[in-house]
Amino acid sequence: QVQLVESGGGLVQTGGSLRLSCAASGRAFSNYAMAWFRQAPGKEREFVAAINWSGGNTYHADSVKGRFTISRDNAKNTVYMQMTSLKAEDTAVYYCAAGPRFGSRRSMYDYWGQGTQVTVSS
């Protein structure tokens, strides 16, 4: 089992920045690929970014490419997402996920956090 706890969400103005963190506990963190997904009100949960077990491979959704950056620190059992140039359409609950395979599909991830709210005001 892996337990995931997100933090760092909040209210920010358009164009601002936030850094999300996801702290993992339980089984060896470095064994897992990690990802961020988000869900806006009335919409499906969508992929945002993923990182492989070593941090050497990342993948970002087109909607956030160039603005968001996923990273991880295996010594701290933590994955991060630096978000810049935030837009109103980035408003959502952001979820951290862990799984055995690196990719963008929700089904690849077995463990999920409770989410952290990000609100971007225009």
Protein backbone atom coordinates (compact mmCIF):
# COMPACT_ATOMS: atom_id res chain seq x y z
CA GLN A 1 0.00 0.00 0.00
CA VAL A 2 1.02 3.57 -0.69
CA GLN A 3 -0.54 6.56 1.03
CA LEU A 4 -0.44 9.89 -0.78
CA VAL A 5 -1.08 13.33 0.69
CA GLU A 6 -1.22 16.41 -1.51
CA SER A 7 -0.54 19.96 -0.37
CA GLY A 8 0.18 23.37 -1.80
CA GLY A 9 -3.13 24.23 -3.40
CA GLY A 10 -4.84 27.55 -2.89
CA LEU A 11 -6.23 30.68 -4.48
CA VAL A 12 -4.04 32.53 -6.97
CA GLN A 13 -4.59 35.22 -9.57
CA THR A 14 -4.30 34.65 -13.29
CA GLY A 15 -0.66 34.57 -14.29
CA GLY A 16 0.47 33.48 -10.84
CA SER A 17 2.35 30.40 -9.69
CA LEU A 18 1.90 27.55 -7.23
CA ARG A 19 3.89 24.47 -6.31
CA LEU A 20 2.00 21.32 -5.42
CA SER A 21 3.59 18.60 -3.34
CA CYS A 22 2.59 14.99 -2.84
CA ALA A 23 4.14 13.12 0.08
CA ALA A 24 4.14 9.33 -0.12
CA SER A 25 4.40 6.77 2.64
CA GLY A 26 4.22 3.01 2.71
CA ARG A 27 5.90 0.83 0.13
CA ALA A 28 9.08 1.94 -1.66
CA PHE A 29 8.28 5.23 -3.35
CA SER A 30 11.01 4.86 -5.93
CA ASN A 31 9.34 1.74 -7.32
CA TYR A 32 6.42 3.76 -8.67
CA ALA A 33 5.68 6.06 -11.53
CA MET A 34 3.87 9.15 -10.30
CA ALA A 35 1.33 11.42 -11.93
CA TRP A 36 -0.90 14.40 -11.41
CA PHE A 37 -4.49 14.47 -12.59
CA ARG A 38 -7.12 17.16 -12.14
CA GLN A 39 -10.87 17.39 -12.07
CA ALA A 40 -12.87 20.55 -12.62
CA PRO A 41 -16.51 20.80 -11.53
CA GLY A 42 -18.78 18.87 -13.87
CA LYS A 43 -15.87 17.44 -15.86
CA GLU A 44 -14.02 14.15 -16.08
CA ARG A 45 -10.74 13.69 -14.25
CA GLU A 46 -7.97 14.43 -16.73
CA PHE A 47 -4.28 13.72 -16.98
CA VAL A 48 -1.86 16.57 -16.29
CA ALA A 49 1.65 15.16 -15.99
CA ALA A 50 3.60 11.98 -15.21
CA ILE A 51 7.13 11.06 -14.17
CA ASN A 52 8.84 7.69 -14.22
CA TRP A 53 10.43 6.00 -11.20
CA SER A 54 13.84 7.67 -11.59
CA GLY A 55 12.65 11.09 -12.70
CA GLY A 56 14.46 10.70 -15.99
CA ASN A 57 11.33 10.66 -18.09
CA THR A 58 8.40 13.06 -17.88
CA TYR A 59 5.27 13.66 -19.91
CA HIS A 60 2.98 16.68 -19.76
CA ALA A 61 -0.45 17.20 -21.26
CA ASP A 62 -0.53 19.67 -24.14
CA SER A 63 -2.75 22.00 -22.12
CA VAL A 64 -0.01 22.55 -19.52
CA LYS A 65 3.17 22.01 -21.53
CA GLY A 66 5.59 24.85 -21.02
CA ARG A 67 3.73 26.07 -17.92
CA PHE A 68 3.75 23.10 -15.53
CA THR A 69 6.71 20.93 -14.56
CA ILE A 70 6.56 17.64 -12.70
CA SER A 71 9.55 16.48 -10.65
CA ARG A 72 10.32 14.09 -7.83
CA ASP A 73 12.74 13.64 -4.95
CA ASN A 74 13.01 9.96 -4.07
CA ALA A 75 15.06 10.73 -0.96
CA LYS A 76 12.10 12.71 0.36
CA ASN A 77 9.37 10.42 -1.01
CA THR A 78 7.80 13.44 -2.64
CA VAL A 79 6.61 14.43 -6.09
CA TYR A 80 6.10 18.05 -7.06
CA MET A 81 4.35 20.04 -9.70
CA GLN A 82 5.49 23.58 -10.34
CA MET A 83 2.68 25.53 -11.98
CA THR A 84 3.31 28.89 -13.62
CA SER A 85 1.31 31.27 -15.83
CA LEU A 86 -1.86 29.91 -14.29
CA LYS A 87 -5.13 30.41 -16.12
CA ALA A 88 -8.74 30.34 -14.96
CA GLU A 89 -9.19 27.03 -16.79
CA ASP A 90 -6.57 25.45 -14.53
CA THR A 91 -9.04 25.68 -11.65
CA ALA A 92 -9.66 22.15 -10.41
CA VAL A 93 -8.97 19.65 -7.67
CA TYR A 94 -5.52 18.22 -8.31
CA TYR A 95 -4.83 14.59 -7.47
CA CYS A 96 -1.55 12.77 -7.05
CA ALA A 97 -1.37 9.13 -8.17
CA ALA A 98 1.12 6.25 -7.99
CA GLY A 99 1.36 3.17 -10.17
CA PRO A 100 3.67 0.54 -11.59
CA ARG A 101 3.70 1.94 -15.12
CA PHE A 102 4.51 5.36 -16.53
CA GLY A 103 1.77 6.83 -18.68
CA SER A 104 -1.27 9.06 -18.95
CA ARG A 105 -4.16 6.66 -18.42
CA ARG A 106 -6.00 6.68 -15.10
CA SER A 107 -6.10 2.88 -15.13
CA MET A 108 -2.30 2.75 -14.84
CA TYR A 109 -2.40 4.19 -11.33
CA ASP A 110 -3.38 2.15 -8.30
CA TYR A 111 -3.06 4.67 -5.49
CA TRP A 112 -4.60 8.12 -5.23
CA GLY A 113 -4.48 11.02 -2.84
CA GLN A 114 -7.47 12.99 -1.58
CA GLY A 115 -6.75 15.99 -3.75
CA THR A 116 -5.90 19.65 -3.25
CA GLN A 117 -7.97 22.54 -4.59
CA VAL A 118 -6.41 25.04 -6.97
CA THR A 119 -8.47 28.10 -7.79
CA VAL A 120 -7.28 30.68 -10.31
CA SER A 121 -9.18 33.95 -10.22
CA SER A 122 -9.42 36.10 -13.33
